[in-house]
């Protein structure tokens, strides 16, 4: 590998990495590329998470690729189906042949003199290799894969049962007929509870505070209608656009009319839960809708488990673990054979790759994000970060498409570097991910910032990004195209 040069190096072989492979080979057929994957298999998040009931938290018609529409009827799909879809997509286009497994990118050092990245890669047995590339496209997501978040629980060492984190679910865990406590109230917890309740004696979701939860049909009626009405070549994009617009509309309504959305969500809970159920305590959050990500349960499966008595919700604080379970601050003790700590994720930027430019380490947390996909002052680097309020893939595809537009523009004009540069001193910095969720707030110091105005502002809007990333000219005042000194054309800022 040492001495090898690639036009494009894609980091990560998950949902985003396969998407990037498609766009590079279809839009830039002239470019040599490879996908480096730290693990030993394809799929990313959908290969990592193996806990019972794991499923999408976005509809598959937008989480799937536009270039290979989701073929099934289910809008909310299980993890195994999603993983199979990713693998089939990679196989059908030959992208799987470009993946190098057990290749972890440890560092990337940009050389302006050479107009290329010097990349350090760790392979099997800790062997270190180096290669160069002209453009780096990070598709690592932002979850830390080696561990999830686990708070410090008092007395945990006294507990005689089994403690499991969803990110490291044992293949041989038997919970049949067992008493299970799931700690958490986010997407993972509300997915686990009904799945575990199918075999467990009793499942309790223990939460410090509630989340907003809404029931949606597992099979989308709109998608079924459009498929009956239109030929497939028209139905697939129509379904994608309808779902994207509906999601965006609900998000905007939540931000502008939170009281109205709260009433809508509550009416849905009243229909799903038993008469007299304490909705105020267990399902009424202290924050507004979409201050944190909204949880979706297909066909109300969580509520069905509660109605049937197979699952329950307790809202309280943990005082300490005991030998038999958990003692709560209210004085109640929950006995459990298994405790599942669905306590959240740890985030990491670009998989922990150490970035430097001309010998200087890149202070990522002080950099602005250009169009939510590049870093201020860092050349020839794009980062696929999806939406927090909609499907990940919607933004990922726009990012990958934009990156190939940059690559083709540089090839056509003879330029070798593209660098976002902030020349507006009035732009102020704000957090990149606009959620108050604990997993975001714990890691905010690791991520770049967004700016107070375009192109440094992150819209969290597919409609606006579609215009700005796919339809608009890539040349603007903030994007500087250049060449190494003494090579071809001088640096120029696009007007």
Protein backbone atom coordinates (compact mmCIF):
# COMPACT_ATOMS: atom_id res chain seq x y z
CA UNK A 1 0.00 0.00 0.00
CA UNK A 2 2.85 2.38 0.75
CA UNK A 3 3.39 4.66 -2.22
CA UNK A 4 -0.14 4.12 -3.53
CA UNK A 5 -2.12 7.16 -4.65
CA UNK A 6 -5.90 7.43 -5.01
CA UNK A 7 -7.93 10.24 -6.47
CA UNK A 8 -10.57 9.74 -3.77
CA UNK A 9 -10.36 7.91 -0.47
CA UNK A 10 -13.74 7.16 1.15
CA UNK A 11 -13.63 6.36 4.87
CA UNK A 12 -16.36 3.99 6.10
CA UNK A 13 -18.39 1.28 4.37
CA UNK A 14 -21.78 1.91 5.92
CA UNK A 15 -24.89 3.47 4.45
CA UNK A 16 -22.97 6.67 3.64
CA UNK A 17 -19.84 5.00 2.31
CA UNK A 18 -21.75 2.88 -0.21
CA UNK A 19 -23.61 6.03 -1.25
CA UNK A 20 -20.29 7.82 -1.77
CA UNK A 21 -18.94 4.91 -3.81
CA UNK A 22 -21.95 5.11 -6.11
CA UNK A 23 -21.55 8.84 -6.72
CA UNK A 24 -17.79 8.75 -7.25
CA UNK A 25 -17.87 5.91 -9.78
CA UNK A 26 -20.99 7.16 -11.61
CA UNK A 27 -20.24 10.90 -11.65
CA UNK A 28 -16.42 10.76 -11.79
CA UNK A 29 -15.60 7.63 -13.82
CA UNK A 30 -12.09 9.00 -14.35
CA UNK A 31 -11.30 8.86 -10.61
CA UNK A 32 -9.51 6.03 -8.84
CA UNK A 33 -11.04 5.34 -5.44
CA UNK A 34 -11.24 2.91 -2.56
CA UNK A 35 -13.34 2.58 0.58
CA UNK A 36 -11.43 1.93 3.81
CA UNK A 37 -13.46 0.23 6.53
CA UNK A 38 -12.11 -0.22 10.06
CA UNK A 39 -14.31 -3.25 10.71
CA UNK A 40 -14.48 -6.58 8.97
CA UNK A 41 -17.85 -6.19 7.26
CA UNK A 42 -20.06 -3.78 5.36
CA UNK A 43 -23.01 -1.92 6.88
CA UNK A 44 -21.70 0.49 9.50
CA UNK A 45 -24.39 1.21 12.08
CA UNK A 46 -26.62 -1.52 10.68
CA UNK A 47 -23.90 -4.10 11.14
CA UNK A 48 -22.95 -2.81 14.59
CA UNK A 49 -26.37 -2.83 16.27
CA UNK A 50 -27.73 -6.36 16.80
CA UNK A 51 -30.10 -5.89 19.72
CA UNK A 52 -33.67 -7.29 19.51
CA UNK A 53 -36.05 -5.21 17.42
CA UNK A 54 -33.38 -2.91 15.97
CA UNK A 55 -34.98 -0.89 13.19
CA UNK A 56 -34.91 2.39 11.31
CA UNK A 57 -36.07 5.56 13.02
CA UNK A 58 -36.66 7.24 9.64
CA UNK A 59 -38.90 6.02 6.85
CA UNK A 60 -37.06 3.77 4.43
CA UNK A 61 -38.25 5.64 1.35
CA UNK A 62 -35.97 8.51 2.37
CA UNK A 63 -33.38 6.48 4.32
CA UNK A 64 -32.91 4.35 1.21
CA UNK A 65 -31.00 5.62 -1.82
CA UNK A 66 -32.63 7.63 -4.58
CA UNK A 67 -30.55 5.71 -7.14
CA UNK A 68 -31.79 2.36 -5.79
CA UNK A 69 -35.21 2.95 -4.22
CA UNK A 70 -36.26 0.91 -1.20
CA UNK A 71 -38.09 -2.09 -2.73
CA UNK A 72 -40.23 -3.25 0.19
CA UNK A 73 -43.60 -2.10 1.50
CA UNK A 74 -42.42 -1.53 5.06
CA UNK A 75 -41.70 2.10 5.82
CA UNK A 76 -40.07 1.33 9.18
CA UNK A 77 -37.77 -1.62 8.55
CA UNK A 78 -35.80 -4.00 10.75
CA UNK A 79 -32.02 -3.81 10.94
CA UNK A 80 -31.41 -7.08 9.11
CA UNK A 81 -33.44 -5.90 6.10
CA UNK A 82 -31.56 -2.61 6.00
CA UNK A 83 -28.19 -4.36 6.20
CA UNK A 84 -29.22 -6.68 3.37
CA UNK A 85 -30.28 -3.67 1.29
CA UNK A 86 -26.91 -1.97 1.78
CA UNK A 87 -25.01 -5.13 0.86
CA UNK A 88 -27.19 -5.75 -2.21
CA UNK A 89 -26.64 -2.17 -3.39
CA UNK A 90 -22.87 -2.47 -3.01
CA UNK A 91 -22.82 -5.84 -4.76
CA UNK A 92 -25.03 -4.76 -7.66
CA UNK A 93 -22.74 -1.85 -8.54
CA UNK A 94 -19.41 -3.52 -7.79
CA UNK A 95 -18.80 -1.12 -4.91
CA UNK A 96 -18.08 -4.06 -2.62
CA UNK A 97 -14.97 -4.78 -4.71
CA UNK A 98 -13.57 -1.38 -3.73
CA UNK A 99 -13.82 -1.97 0.03
CA UNK A 100 -10.72 -2.75 2.07
CA UNK A 101 -11.72 -4.17 5.42
CA UNK A 102 -9.77 -3.82 8.67
CA UNK A 103 -8.23 -0.61 7.36
CA UNK A 104 -8.57 2.11 10.01
CA UNK A 105 -7.59 5.60 8.94
CA UNK A 106 -5.67 7.00 11.91
CA UNK A 107 -4.39 10.29 10.52
CA UNK A 108 -4.55 12.48 7.43
CA UNK A 109 -2.00 15.25 6.81
CA UNK A 110 -2.63 17.73 4.00
CA UNK A 111 0.33 19.08 2.04
CA UNK A 112 -0.38 22.29 0.17
CA UNK A 113 2.92 21.97 -1.69
CA UNK A 114 1.84 18.61 -3.13
CA UNK A 115 -1.93 19.25 -3.12
CA UNK A 116 -2.63 15.86 -1.57
CA UNK A 117 -3.39 14.08 1.68
CA UNK A 118 -0.80 11.83 3.31
CA UNK A 119 -2.90 9.17 5.01
CA UNK A 120 -1.80 6.84 7.81
CA UNK A 121 -3.70 3.55 7.99
CA UNK A 122 -3.68 0.79 10.60
CA UNK A 123 -4.35 -2.73 9.32
CA UNK A 124 -4.38 -6.23 10.82
CA UNK A 125 -2.09 -6.74 13.77
CA UNK A 126 -1.47 -3.01 14.15
CA UNK A 127 0.60 -2.73 10.97
CA UNK A 128 1.00 0.88 9.79
CA UNK A 129 0.80 1.83 6.13
CA UNK A 130 0.87 5.15 4.32
CA UNK A 131 -0.63 6.30 1.06
CA UNK A 132 -1.77 9.53 -0.55
CA UNK A 133 -5.03 10.76 -1.99
CA UNK A 134 -6.21 13.92 -3.70
CA UNK A 135 -9.59 14.09 -1.96
CA UNK A 136 -10.81 12.66 1.34
CA UNK A 137 -14.50 11.83 1.78
CA UNK A 138 -15.40 10.88 5.36
CA UNK A 139 -18.45 8.62 5.72
CA UNK A 140 -17.82 7.44 9.27
CA UNK A 141 -21.03 8.80 10.77
CA UNK A 142 -20.62 10.19 14.25
CA UNK A 143 -21.20 7.21 16.55
CA UNK A 144 -18.28 5.82 18.47
CA UNK A 145 -18.22 2.12 17.57
CA UNK A 146 -15.99 0.67 20.29
CA UNK A 147 -18.25 1.67 23.18
CA UNK A 148 -21.56 3.26 24.09
CA UNK A 149 -22.28 5.75 26.85
CA UNK A 150 -22.62 4.33 30.35
CA UNK A 151 -23.18 6.64 33.36
CA UNK A 152 -21.59 5.82 36.71
CA UNK A 153 -24.18 3.80 38.58
CA UNK A 154 -23.80 3.55 42.34
CA UNK A 155 -23.67 -0.04 43.58
CA UNK A 156 -23.43 -1.63 40.14
CA UNK A 157 -20.78 -4.05 41.42
CA UNK A 158 -23.32 -5.49 43.90
CA UNK A 159 -25.84 -6.47 41.26
CA UNK A 160 -25.95 -10.25 40.68
CA UNK A 161 -27.90 -10.19 37.44
CA UNK A 162 -26.67 -9.51 33.92
CA UNK A 163 -25.99 -5.99 32.62
CA UNK A 164 -26.08 -5.46 28.85
CA UNK A 165 -25.47 -2.40 26.71
CA UNK A 166 -27.44 -2.48 23.42
CA UNK A 167 -24.32 -1.60 21.45
CA UNK A 168 -22.69 -4.86 22.61
CA UNK A 169 -25.62 -7.25 22.63
CA UNK A 170 -24.53 -10.87 23.30
CA UNK A 171 -25.61 -13.36 20.64
CA UNK A 172 -26.48 -15.96 23.27
CA UNK A 173 -28.47 -13.82 25.72
CA UNK A 174 -31.63 -15.67 26.71
CA UNK A 175 -34.26 -13.37 28.18
CA UNK A 176 -37.16 -15.83 27.88
CA UNK A 177 -39.29 -15.70 31.03
CA UNK A 178 -36.93 -13.17 32.63
CA UNK A 179 -37.63 -9.86 34.37
CA UNK A 180 -35.93 -7.14 32.34
CA UNK A 181 -35.37 -3.47 33.15
CA UNK A 182 -34.43 -1.20 30.26
CA UNK A 183 -32.83 2.04 31.45
CA UNK A 184 -33.55 4.85 28.99
CA UNK A 185 -36.33 6.57 27.07
CA UNK A 186 -34.83 7.24 23.65
CA UNK A 187 -35.13 5.48 20.32
CA UNK A 188 -33.15 2.42 21.44
CA UNK A 189 -35.23 1.91 24.58
CA UNK A 190 -38.62 2.26 22.86
CA UNK A 191 -37.42 -0.23 20.23
CA UNK A 192 -36.13 -2.76 22.75
CA UNK A 193 -39.08 -2.81 25.14
CA UNK A 194 -41.76 -4.28 22.80
CA UNK A 195 -39.25 -6.67 21.22
CA UNK A 196 -38.10 -8.02 24.60
CA UNK A 197 -41.69 -8.20 25.84
CA UNK A 198 -42.45 -10.91 23.27
CA UNK A 199 -40.46 -13.45 25.31
CA UNK A 200 -39.69 -11.90 28.69
CA UNK A 201 -41.90 -12.34 31.74
CA UNK A 202 -42.02 -8.57 32.28
CA UNK A 203 -40.19 -5.59 30.80
CA UNK A 204 -39.93 -2.24 32.58
CA UNK A 205 -38.73 0.92 30.85
CA UNK A 206 -37.07 3.00 33.56
CA UNK A 207 -36.60 6.63 32.58
CA UNK A 208 -35.44 9.77 34.33
CA UNK A 209 -37.66 11.85 32.06
CA UNK A 210 -39.96 11.12 29.11
CA UNK A 211 -39.40 11.53 25.38
CA UNK A 212 -41.90 12.43 22.69
CA UNK A 213 -43.14 9.23 21.09
CA UNK A 214 -45.47 8.92 18.11
CA UNK A 215 -47.02 5.90 16.44
CA UNK A 216 -46.75 5.58 12.67
CA UNK A 217 -47.93 2.82 10.33
CA UNK A 218 -45.20 0.28 9.60
CA UNK A 219 -46.43 0.32 6.00
CA UNK A 220 -46.99 3.84 4.69
CA UNK A 221 -50.42 4.33 3.06
CA UNK A 222 -49.13 7.20 0.90
CA UNK A 223 -46.41 4.98 -0.57
CA UNK A 224 -48.91 2.21 -1.35
CA UNK A 225 -51.25 4.71 -3.03
CA UNK A 226 -48.51 6.26 -5.19
CA UNK A 227 -47.24 2.83 -6.24
CA UNK A 228 -50.72 1.89 -7.42
CA UNK A 229 -51.16 5.22 -9.19
CA UNK A 230 -47.76 5.64 -10.90
CA UNK A 231 -45.22 3.47 -12.71
CA UNK A 232 -42.24 2.56 -10.51
CA UNK A 233 -39.84 4.98 -12.21
CA UNK A 234 -42.13 7.83 -11.17
CA UNK A 235 -43.51 6.38 -7.95
CA UNK A 236 -40.14 6.02 -6.21
CA UNK A 237 -39.07 9.69 -6.51
CA UNK A 238 -42.61 10.84 -5.79
CA UNK A 239 -42.73 8.82 -2.55
CA UNK A 240 -39.31 10.15 -1.55
CA UNK A 241 -40.31 13.76 -2.11
CA UNK A 242 -43.69 13.41 -0.40
CA UNK A 243 -42.11 11.85 2.68
CA UNK A 244 -39.29 14.41 2.78
CA UNK A 245 -41.75 17.29 2.54
CA UNK A 246 -44.09 15.79 5.14
CA UNK A 247 -41.20 15.30 7.58
CA UNK A 248 -39.94 18.83 7.02
CA UNK A 249 -43.44 20.28 7.41
CA UNK A 250 -43.96 18.52 10.73
CA UNK A 251 -40.55 19.69 11.96
CA UNK A 252 -41.28 23.31 11.04
CA UNK A 253 -44.70 23.11 12.65
CA UNK A 254 -43.06 21.74 15.81
CA UNK A 255 -40.64 24.67 15.95
CA UNK A 256 -43.21 27.36 15.18
CA UNK A 257 -46.31 25.98 16.92
CA UNK A 258 -45.00 23.68 19.68
CA UNK A 259 -48.21 23.89 21.74
CA UNK A 260 -50.27 22.66 18.79
CA UNK A 261 -47.90 19.75 18.14
CA UNK A 262 -47.92 18.82 21.83
CA UNK A 263 -51.72 18.56 21.69
CA UNK A 264 -51.54 16.43 18.54
CA UNK A 265 -49.04 14.04 20.10
CA UNK A 266 -51.03 13.82 23.31
CA UNK A 267 -54.23 12.92 21.44
CA UNK A 268 -52.31 10.11 19.77
CA UNK A 269 -51.16 8.85 23.19
CA UNK A 270 -54.70 8.98 24.55
CA UNK A 271 -55.85 6.73 21.70
CA UNK A 272 -53.01 4.26 22.22
CA UNK A 273 -52.78 3.95 26.01
CA UNK A 274 -55.26 2.43 28.49
CA UNK A 275 -57.95 4.76 29.94
CA UNK A 276 -56.65 6.69 32.93
CA UNK A 277 -53.00 6.06 32.12
CA UNK A 278 -50.68 8.69 33.66
CA UNK A 279 -49.56 10.38 30.45
CA UNK A 280 -48.39 13.50 32.29
CA UNK A 281 -45.79 11.57 34.27
CA UNK A 282 -44.60 9.02 31.74
CA UNK A 283 -45.06 10.56 28.28
CA UNK A 284 -44.98 14.37 28.69
CA UNK A 285 -41.44 15.73 28.27
CA UNK A 286 -40.20 18.97 29.80
CA UNK A 287 -38.92 20.22 26.44
CA UNK A 288 -40.65 21.17 23.20
CA UNK A 289 -41.07 18.74 20.28
CA UNK A 290 -37.86 18.41 18.25
CA UNK A 291 -35.64 20.04 20.87
CA UNK A 292 -34.63 16.39 20.92
CA UNK A 293 -35.24 13.81 18.23
CA UNK A 294 -38.80 12.47 18.10
CA UNK A 295 -39.13 8.71 18.69
CA UNK A 296 -41.30 6.69 16.31
CA UNK A 297 -42.93 3.34 17.11
CA UNK A 298 -44.36 1.36 14.17
CA UNK A 299 -48.02 0.43 14.57
CA UNK A 300 -47.82 1.52 18.20
CA UNK A 301 -45.97 -1.63 19.27
CA UNK A 302 -44.69 -0.06 22.51
CA UNK A 303 -48.18 1.05 23.50
CA UNK A 304 -49.61 -2.37 22.62
CA UNK A 305 -47.12 -4.02 24.99
CA UNK A 306 -48.20 -1.62 27.74
CA UNK A 307 -51.91 -2.24 27.10
CA UNK A 308 -51.37 -5.99 27.26
CA UNK A 309 -49.48 -5.76 30.55
CA UNK A 310 -46.26 -7.16 29.09
CA UNK A 311 -44.42 -3.87 29.55
CA UNK A 312 -44.57 -0.93 31.94
CA UNK A 313 -42.97 2.49 32.33
CA UNK A 314 -41.46 3.86 35.55
CA UNK A 315 -40.33 7.48 35.73
CA UNK A 316 -37.85 7.92 38.57
CA UNK A 317 -34.19 8.34 39.46
CA UNK A 318 -31.85 5.46 40.33
CA UNK A 319 -30.52 5.71 43.90
CA UNK A 320 -28.37 2.59 43.71
CA UNK A 321 -28.12 -0.88 42.29
CA UNK A 322 -28.88 -3.67 44.75
CA UNK A 323 -28.14 -7.38 44.62
CA UNK A 324 -31.57 -8.02 43.07
CA UNK A 325 -32.06 -4.94 40.90
CA UNK A 326 -32.41 -1.19 41.32
CA UNK A 327 -33.46 0.94 44.27
CA UNK A 328 -35.13 4.15 43.10
CA UNK A 329 -35.14 7.53 44.82
CA UNK A 330 -38.86 7.10 45.49
CA UNK A 331 -38.00 4.06 47.63
CA UNK A 332 -39.38 1.54 45.12
CA UNK A 333 -37.14 -1.39 44.22
CA UNK A 334 -37.25 -2.92 40.75
CA UNK A 335 -36.09 -6.53 40.78
CA UNK A 336 -34.50 -7.66 37.52
CA UNK A 337 -32.73 -10.67 36.10
CA UNK A 338 -31.32 -8.51 33.28
CA UNK A 339 -30.67 -4.77 33.16
CA UNK A 340 -30.27 -3.21 29.72
CA UNK A 341 -28.46 0.13 29.80
CA UNK A 342 -29.99 1.95 26.83
CA UNK A 343 -28.30 5.07 28.17
CA UNK A 344 -27.10 6.51 24.93
CA UNK A 345 -24.24 6.75 22.51
CA UNK A 346 -20.86 8.38 22.49
CA UNK A 347 -20.10 10.58 19.50
CA UNK A 348 -16.79 11.00 17.74
CA UNK A 349 -15.90 13.25 14.83
CA UNK A 350 -14.67 11.56 11.64
CA UNK A 351 -13.99 8.33 13.50
CA UNK A 352 -11.21 10.00 15.48
CA UNK A 353 -8.98 10.71 12.46
CA UNK A 354 -6.20 13.12 13.40
CA UNK A 355 -6.25 15.95 10.84
CA UNK A 356 -3.43 18.34 10.06
CA UNK A 357 -2.75 20.92 7.36
CA UNK A 358 0.86 21.75 6.47
CA UNK A 359 2.15 20.37 9.74
CA UNK A 360 -0.40 22.10 11.98
CA UNK A 361 -3.07 20.07 13.77
CA UNK A 362 -6.59 21.10 12.77
CA UNK A 363 -8.49 22.47 15.81
CA UNK A 364 -11.78 20.95 14.67
CA UNK A 365 -13.96 22.44 17.42
CA UNK A 366 -12.98 25.99 16.42
CA UNK A 367 -13.68 25.50 12.72
CA UNK A 368 -16.88 26.46 10.94
CA UNK A 369 -18.71 23.91 8.80
CA UNK A 370 -19.20 24.95 5.18
CA UNK A 371 -22.68 23.92 3.97
CA UNK A 372 -22.70 21.28 6.69
CA UNK A 373 -20.18 19.17 4.76
CA UNK A 374 -16.68 20.75 4.69
CA UNK A 375 -14.36 22.43 7.20
CA UNK A 376 -13.24 26.02 7.12
CA UNK A 377 -9.60 26.24 6.03
CA UNK A 378 -9.24 22.50 5.29
CA UNK A 379 -8.75 21.65 1.59
CA UNK A 380 -10.20 18.72 -0.34
CA UNK A 381 -12.19 17.22 2.51
CA UNK A 382 -15.92 16.47 2.60
CA UNK A 383 -17.83 14.94 5.51
CA UNK A 384 -21.17 13.15 5.19
CA UNK A 385 -23.26 14.17 8.19
CA UNK A 386 -26.96 13.51 7.89
CA UNK A 387 -29.95 15.38 9.24
CA UNK A 388 -30.97 15.26 12.87
CA UNK A 389 -34.61 16.01 11.98
CA UNK A 390 -35.02 13.75 8.94
CA UNK A 391 -33.44 10.84 7.13
CA UNK A 392 -29.64 10.63 7.28
CA UNK A 393 -29.41 9.63 3.62
CA UNK A 394 -31.17 12.71 2.26
CA UNK A 395 -28.25 14.93 3.31
CA UNK A 396 -25.66 12.26 2.64
CA UNK A 397 -26.65 12.01 -1.02
CA UNK A 398 -26.54 15.78 -1.43
CA UNK A 399 -23.07 15.83 0.13
CA UNK A 400 -21.73 13.03 -2.07
CA UNK A 401 -23.19 14.60 -5.20
CA UNK A 402 -21.70 17.99 -4.28
CA UNK A 403 -18.28 16.43 -3.69
CA UNK A 404 -18.29 14.91 -7.17
CA UNK A 405 -19.26 18.30 -8.63
CA UNK A 406 -16.20 19.79 -6.92
CA UNK A 407 -14.01 17.00 -8.25
CA UNK A 408 -15.24 17.43 -11.81
CA UNK A 409 -14.88 21.22 -11.64
CA UNK A 410 -11.26 20.93 -10.48
CA UNK A 411 -10.47 18.42 -13.20
CA UNK A 412 -12.02 20.61 -15.89
CA UNK A 413 -10.29 23.81 -14.72
CA UNK A 414 -6.92 22.28 -13.84
CA UNK A 415 -7.25 23.22 -10.18
CA UNK A 416 -6.11 20.82 -7.49
CA UNK A 417 -7.37 22.38 -4.27
CA UNK A 418 -10.75 23.57 -3.05
CA UNK A 419 -10.84 25.26 0.34
CA UNK A 420 -13.75 26.89 2.17
CA UNK A 421 -12.53 30.23 3.56
CA UNK A 422 -14.58 32.49 5.82
CA UNK A 423 -14.05 36.10 4.78
CA UNK A 424 -16.99 37.50 6.75
CA UNK A 425 -15.87 38.59 10.22
CA UNK A 426 -19.47 39.17 11.30
CA UNK A 427 -20.32 35.45 11.16
CA UNK A 428 -20.73 34.10 14.69
CA UNK A 429 -20.29 30.46 15.76
CA UNK A 430 -23.08 28.20 17.02
CA UNK A 431 -23.30 24.46 17.83
CA UNK A 432 -23.32 22.22 14.75
CA UNK A 433 -26.02 19.78 15.90
CA UNK A 434 -29.07 21.69 17.09
CA UNK A 435 -30.42 19.19 19.61
CA UNK A 436 -30.52 19.30 23.42
CA UNK A 437 -30.19 15.50 23.69
CA UNK A 438 -27.66 14.28 26.22
CA UNK A 439 -25.59 12.36 23.67
CA UNK A 440 -25.21 15.54 21.61
CA UNK A 441 -24.44 17.86 24.53
CA UNK A 442 -21.82 15.48 25.94
CA UNK A 443 -19.84 15.64 22.69
CA UNK A 444 -20.45 19.16 21.42
CA UNK A 445 -16.84 20.13 22.21
CA UNK A 446 -15.56 17.52 19.72
CA UNK A 447 -17.39 18.88 16.69
CA UNK A 448 -16.99 21.91 14.44
CA UNK A 449 -19.39 24.82 14.67
CA UNK A 450 -21.92 26.22 12.27
CA UNK A 451 -22.09 29.90 11.43
CA UNK A 452 -24.86 32.42 11.82
CA UNK A 453 -25.41 32.80 8.10
CA UNK A 454 -25.05 30.91 4.82
CA UNK A 455 -22.87 29.16 3.64
CA UNK A 456 -21.70 28.41 7.17
CA UNK A 457 -25.18 27.85 8.56
CA UNK A 458 -26.63 24.33 8.74
CA UNK A 459 -30.22 24.48 7.53
CA UNK A 460 -31.49 21.05 8.67
CA UNK A 461 -33.77 21.44 5.64
CA UNK A 462 -33.71 19.09 2.67
CA UNK A 463 -35.53 21.61 0.48
CA UNK A 464 -33.01 24.39 1.12
CA UNK A 465 -30.03 22.06 0.86
CA UNK A 466 -31.35 20.60 -2.38
CA UNK A 467 -31.26 24.10 -3.81
CA UNK A 468 -27.89 25.07 -2.32
CA UNK A 469 -26.01 21.80 -2.81
CA UNK A 470 -27.51 20.32 -5.96
CA UNK A 471 -28.96 23.19 -7.99
CA UNK A 472 -26.74 26.16 -7.18
CA UNK A 473 -23.33 26.91 -8.72
CA UNK A 474 -20.49 25.45 -6.65
CA UNK A 475 -18.53 28.66 -7.11
CA UNK A 476 -19.14 31.20 -4.38
CA UNK A 477 -17.14 33.74 -2.39
CA UNK A 478 -16.32 31.27 0.36
CA UNK A 479 -14.90 28.52 -1.89
CA UNK A 480 -11.32 29.12 -3.01
CA UNK A 481 -9.93 27.00 -5.84
CA UNK A 482 -6.14 26.97 -6.08
CA UNK A 483 -2.97 25.15 -7.07
CA UNK A 484 0.37 24.65 -5.31
CA UNK A 485 2.70 27.62 -5.78
CA UNK A 486 4.46 27.47 -9.14
CA UNK A 487 2.03 24.94 -10.59
CA UNK A 488 -0.39 26.18 -13.21
CA UNK A 489 -2.88 28.83 -12.22
CA UNK A 490 -2.69 31.11 -9.14
CA UNK A 491 -5.26 30.85 -6.34
CA UNK A 492 -8.60 32.38 -7.17
CA UNK A 493 -11.80 32.86 -5.21
CA UNK A 494 -14.88 32.08 -7.27
CA UNK A 495 -17.20 35.00 -7.78
